[in-house]
Amino acid sequence: ADSLTNVEKELKDMDSTLENCITDIQTQFNVLFNDLNELKSTSNDEILDENDDDDDNNNNSNENMGVMAETSFIRRLDIQRKELQD
């Protein structure tokens, strides 16, 4: 009976630790996501300032690359989050 109680306590501790880790990762993800959006916004503003005479295709291409990078980054973090939950 005591060993079962100890195992149950250890499992609860592990569960709590995992929940804290997931919360920390989600917080880090939110910070990184916000930083990435700020960087994208700043980068796009600089590109627009430097290339006022460029056509829309170049700006769209730069925006598409930024979106692709964000999407890839988000997918990787999402995969890591799912692995931790499993």
N, C-alpha and C. Protein backbone atom coordinates (compact mmCIF):
# COMPACT_ATOMS: atom_id res chain seq x y z
N ALA A 1 0.83 -1.20 0.00
CA ALA A 1 0.00 0.00 0.00
C ALA A 1 0.87 1.26 0.00
N ASP A 2 1.94 1.21 0.80
CA ASP A 2 2.83 2.38 0.85
C ASP A 2 3.51 2.63 -0.49
N SER A 3 3.91 1.54 -1.15
CA SER A 3 4.59 1.72 -2.44
C SER A 3 3.63 2.29 -3.48
N LEU A 4 2.36 1.89 -3.42
CA LEU A 4 1.37 2.46 -4.34
C LEU A 4 1.16 3.94 -4.06
N THR A 5 1.15 4.31 -2.80
CA THR A 5 1.00 5.71 -2.43
C THR A 5 2.20 6.52 -2.93
N ASN A 6 3.39 5.93 -2.78
CA ASN A 6 4.60 6.61 -3.26
C ASN A 6 4.58 6.78 -4.77
N VAL A 7 4.16 5.73 -5.47
CA VAL A 7 4.09 5.78 -6.93
C VAL A 7 3.08 6.84 -7.36
N GLU A 8 1.94 6.87 -6.68
CA GLU A 8 0.91 7.86 -7.01
C GLU A 8 1.43 9.28 -6.79
N LYS A 9 2.15 9.47 -5.69
CA LYS A 9 2.72 10.79 -5.39
C LYS A 9 3.74 11.18 -6.46
N GLU A 10 4.60 10.24 -6.83
CA GLU A 10 5.60 10.50 -7.87
C GLU A 10 4.94 10.85 -9.20
N LEU A 11 3.88 10.14 -9.55
CA LEU A 11 3.16 10.43 -10.79
C LEU A 11 2.54 11.82 -10.76
N LYS A 12 1.97 12.19 -9.61
CA LYS A 12 1.39 13.53 -9.48
C LYS A 12 2.48 14.60 -9.61
N ASP A 13 3.64 14.34 -8.99
CA ASP A 13 4.76 15.28 -9.10
C ASP A 13 5.23 15.41 -10.54
N MET A 14 5.33 14.27 -11.23
CA MET A 14 5.73 14.28 -12.64
C MET A 14 4.73 15.06 -13.48
N ASP A 15 3.45 14.81 -13.23
CA ASP A 15 2.39 15.48 -13.97
C ASP A 15 2.48 16.99 -13.76
N SER A 16 2.69 17.39 -12.52
CA SER A 16 2.82 18.81 -12.20
C SER A 16 4.04 19.42 -12.89
N THR A 17 5.15 18.68 -12.87
CA THR A 17 6.38 19.15 -13.52
C THR A 17 6.16 19.30 -15.02
N LEU A 18 5.52 18.32 -15.64
CA LEU A 18 5.24 18.39 -17.08
C LEU A 18 4.32 19.56 -17.41
N GLU A 19 3.30 19.77 -16.58
CA GLU A 19 2.40 20.90 -16.81
C GLU A 19 3.16 22.22 -16.73
N ASN A 20 4.06 22.33 -15.76
CA ASN A 20 4.88 23.54 -15.63
C ASN A 20 5.78 23.73 -16.85
N CYS A 21 6.37 22.63 -17.32
CA CYS A 21 7.23 22.70 -18.51
C CYS A 21 6.43 23.14 -19.73
N ILE A 22 5.24 22.57 -19.89
CA ILE A 22 4.40 22.93 -21.03
C ILE A 22 4.01 24.40 -20.95
N THR A 23 3.66 24.86 -19.75
CA THR A 23 3.32 26.28 -19.57
C THR A 23 4.50 27.16 -19.91
N ASP A 24 5.70 26.78 -19.46
CA ASP A 24 6.90 27.55 -19.77
C ASP A 24 7.15 27.59 -21.28
N ILE A 25 6.98 26.46 -21.93
CA ILE A 25 7.20 26.40 -23.38
C ILE A 25 6.17 27.25 -24.11
N GLN A 26 4.92 27.20 -23.66
CA GLN A 26 3.89 28.02 -24.28
C GLN A 26 4.20 29.51 -24.10
N THR A 27 4.69 29.88 -22.93
CA THR A 27 5.08 31.27 -22.68
C THR A 27 6.23 31.67 -23.60
N GLN A 28 7.24 30.81 -23.69
CA GLN A 28 8.37 31.09 -24.58
C GLN A 28 7.91 31.18 -26.03
N PHE A 29 7.00 30.30 -26.42
CA PHE A 29 6.46 30.33 -27.77
C PHE A 29 5.78 31.67 -28.03
N ASN A 30 4.95 32.12 -27.09
CA ASN A 30 4.25 33.39 -27.27
C ASN A 30 5.23 34.55 -27.39
N VAL A 31 6.28 34.54 -26.57
CA VAL A 31 7.29 35.60 -26.65
C VAL A 31 7.98 35.56 -28.01
N LEU A 32 8.40 34.36 -28.44
CA LEU A 32 9.07 34.22 -29.73
C LEU A 32 8.15 34.61 -30.88
N PHE A 33 6.89 34.20 -30.80
CA PHE A 33 5.93 34.52 -31.85
C PHE A 33 5.73 36.04 -31.94
N ASN A 34 5.59 36.70 -30.79
CA ASN A 34 5.45 38.16 -30.79
C ASN A 34 6.70 38.84 -31.33
N ASP A 35 7.87 38.35 -30.91
CA ASP A 35 9.13 38.91 -31.42
C ASP A 35 9.24 38.72 -32.92
N LEU A 36 8.84 37.55 -33.40
CA LEU A 36 8.88 37.27 -34.83
C LEU A 36 7.95 38.20 -35.60
N ASN A 37 6.76 38.44 -35.06
CA ASN A 37 5.84 39.37 -35.70
C ASN A 37 6.39 40.79 -35.72
N GLU A 38 7.01 41.20 -34.60
CA GLU A 38 7.63 42.53 -34.56
C GLU A 38 8.75 42.63 -35.57
N LEU A 39 9.57 41.59 -35.64
CA LEU A 39 10.68 41.57 -36.58
C LEU A 39 10.16 41.64 -38.01
N LYS A 40 9.13 40.88 -38.29
CA LYS A 40 8.53 40.89 -39.62
C LYS A 40 8.01 42.28 -39.95
N SER A 41 7.32 42.89 -39.01
CA SER A 41 6.76 44.22 -39.21
C SER A 41 7.87 45.24 -39.43
N THR A 42 8.91 45.18 -38.60
CA THR A 42 10.04 46.10 -38.74
C THR A 42 10.74 45.88 -40.06
N SER A 43 10.96 44.61 -40.40
CA SER A 43 11.63 44.27 -41.64
C SER A 43 10.83 44.77 -42.84
N ASN A 44 9.52 44.55 -42.82
CA ASN A 44 8.68 45.02 -43.92
C ASN A 44 8.69 46.54 -44.02
N ASP A 45 8.68 47.23 -42.87
CA ASP A 45 8.74 48.69 -42.89
C ASP A 45 10.05 49.17 -43.50
N GLU A 46 11.16 48.52 -43.11
CA GLU A 46 12.46 48.90 -43.66
C GLU A 46 12.52 48.62 -45.15
N ILE A 47 11.99 47.48 -45.55
CA ILE A 47 11.99 47.13 -46.97
C ILE A 47 11.19 48.15 -47.76
N LEU A 48 10.03 48.52 -47.22
CA LEU A 48 9.19 49.50 -47.91
C LEU A 48 9.89 50.86 -47.98
N ASP A 49 10.56 51.25 -46.89
CA ASP A 49 11.27 52.53 -46.88
C ASP A 49 12.42 52.54 -47.88
N GLU A 50 13.16 51.44 -47.94
CA GLU A 50 14.32 51.38 -48.83
C GLU A 50 13.93 51.18 -50.28
N ASN A 51 12.81 50.57 -50.51
CA ASN A 51 12.43 50.20 -51.87
C ASN A 51 11.11 50.81 -52.28
N ASP A 52 10.95 52.09 -52.03
CA ASP A 52 9.70 52.75 -52.40
C ASP A 52 9.39 52.60 -53.88
N ASP A 53 10.43 52.53 -54.70
CA ASP A 53 10.22 52.46 -56.14
C ASP A 53 10.05 51.04 -56.66
N ASP A 54 10.28 50.02 -55.79
CA ASP A 54 10.15 48.63 -56.24
C ASP A 54 8.69 48.31 -56.54
N ASP A 55 8.50 47.32 -57.39
CA ASP A 55 7.13 46.92 -57.70
C ASP A 55 6.56 46.05 -56.60
N ASP A 56 5.25 45.83 -56.65
CA ASP A 56 4.56 45.08 -55.60
C ASP A 56 5.00 43.62 -55.54
N ASN A 57 5.46 43.07 -56.66
CA ASN A 57 5.86 41.66 -56.66
C ASN A 57 7.00 41.39 -55.70
N ASN A 58 7.98 42.29 -55.65
CA ASN A 58 9.11 42.10 -54.73
C ASN A 58 8.65 42.15 -53.28
N ASN A 59 7.77 43.10 -52.97
CA ASN A 59 7.28 43.21 -51.60
C ASN A 59 6.44 41.99 -51.24
N ASN A 60 5.62 41.53 -52.17
CA ASN A 60 4.82 40.33 -51.91
C ASN A 60 5.71 39.12 -51.69
N SER A 61 6.79 39.03 -52.46
CA SER A 61 7.73 37.93 -52.31
C SER A 61 8.36 37.95 -50.92
N ASN A 62 8.77 39.14 -50.47
CA ASN A 62 9.36 39.27 -49.13
C ASN A 62 8.35 38.90 -48.05
N GLU A 63 7.11 39.34 -48.22
CA GLU A 63 6.07 39.00 -47.25
C GLU A 63 5.82 37.50 -47.24
N ASN A 64 5.77 36.89 -48.42
CA ASN A 64 5.54 35.44 -48.50
C ASN A 64 6.66 34.67 -47.81
N MET A 65 7.90 35.11 -47.99
CA MET A 65 9.02 34.44 -47.32
C MET A 65 8.88 34.57 -45.81
N GLY A 66 8.47 35.74 -45.34
CA GLY A 66 8.26 35.94 -43.90
C GLY A 66 7.17 35.04 -43.36
N VAL A 67 6.08 34.94 -44.09
CA VAL A 67 4.96 34.08 -43.68
C VAL A 67 5.40 32.62 -43.67
N MET A 68 6.15 32.21 -44.69
CA MET A 68 6.63 30.82 -44.75
C MET A 68 7.55 30.52 -43.57
N ALA A 69 8.42 31.47 -43.22
CA ALA A 69 9.32 31.27 -42.09
C ALA A 69 8.53 31.16 -40.79
N GLU A 70 7.54 32.04 -40.63
CA GLU A 70 6.70 31.98 -39.44
C GLU A 70 5.98 30.65 -39.34
N THR A 71 5.39 30.22 -40.45
CA THR A 71 4.63 28.97 -40.48
C THR A 71 5.52 27.79 -40.12
N SER A 72 6.71 27.75 -40.69
CA SER A 72 7.65 26.67 -40.41
C SER A 72 8.04 26.67 -38.93
N PHE A 73 8.30 27.84 -38.41
CA PHE A 73 8.68 28.00 -37.01
C PHE A 73 7.55 27.52 -36.10
N ILE A 74 6.33 27.93 -36.42
CA ILE A 74 5.18 27.55 -35.61
C ILE A 74 4.97 26.05 -35.66
N ARG A 75 5.13 25.46 -36.84
CA ARG A 75 4.96 24.00 -36.96
C ARG A 75 5.97 23.26 -36.10
N ARG A 76 7.23 23.73 -36.12
CA ARG A 76 8.26 23.06 -35.32
C ARG A 76 7.94 23.14 -33.83
N LEU A 77 7.51 24.32 -33.38
CA LEU A 77 7.17 24.47 -31.98
C LEU A 77 5.94 23.63 -31.61
N ASP A 78 5.00 23.56 -32.52
CA ASP A 78 3.80 22.77 -32.28
C ASP A 78 4.14 21.28 -32.17
N ILE A 79 5.05 20.81 -33.02
CA ILE A 79 5.50 19.42 -32.97
C ILE A 79 6.18 19.14 -31.63
N GLN A 80 7.05 20.07 -31.21
CA GLN A 80 7.73 19.89 -29.92
C GLN A 80 6.73 19.85 -28.77
N ARG A 81 5.73 20.72 -28.83
CA ARG A 81 4.72 20.77 -27.77
C ARG A 81 3.96 19.44 -27.72
N LYS A 82 3.59 18.91 -28.89
CA LYS A 82 2.85 17.65 -28.93
C LYS A 82 3.71 16.50 -28.42
N GLU A 83 5.00 16.51 -28.74
CA GLU A 83 5.89 15.45 -28.27
C GLU A 83 5.99 15.48 -26.75
N LEU A 84 6.03 16.67 -26.18
CA LEU A 84 6.11 16.78 -24.73
C LEU A 84 4.82 16.31 -24.06
N GLN A 85 3.70 16.54 -24.72
CA GLN A 85 2.43 16.12 -24.15
C GLN A 85 2.25 14.61 -24.21
N ASP A 86 2.84 13.98 -25.24
CA ASP A 86 2.74 12.52 -25.37
C ASP A 86 3.67 11.90 -24.38
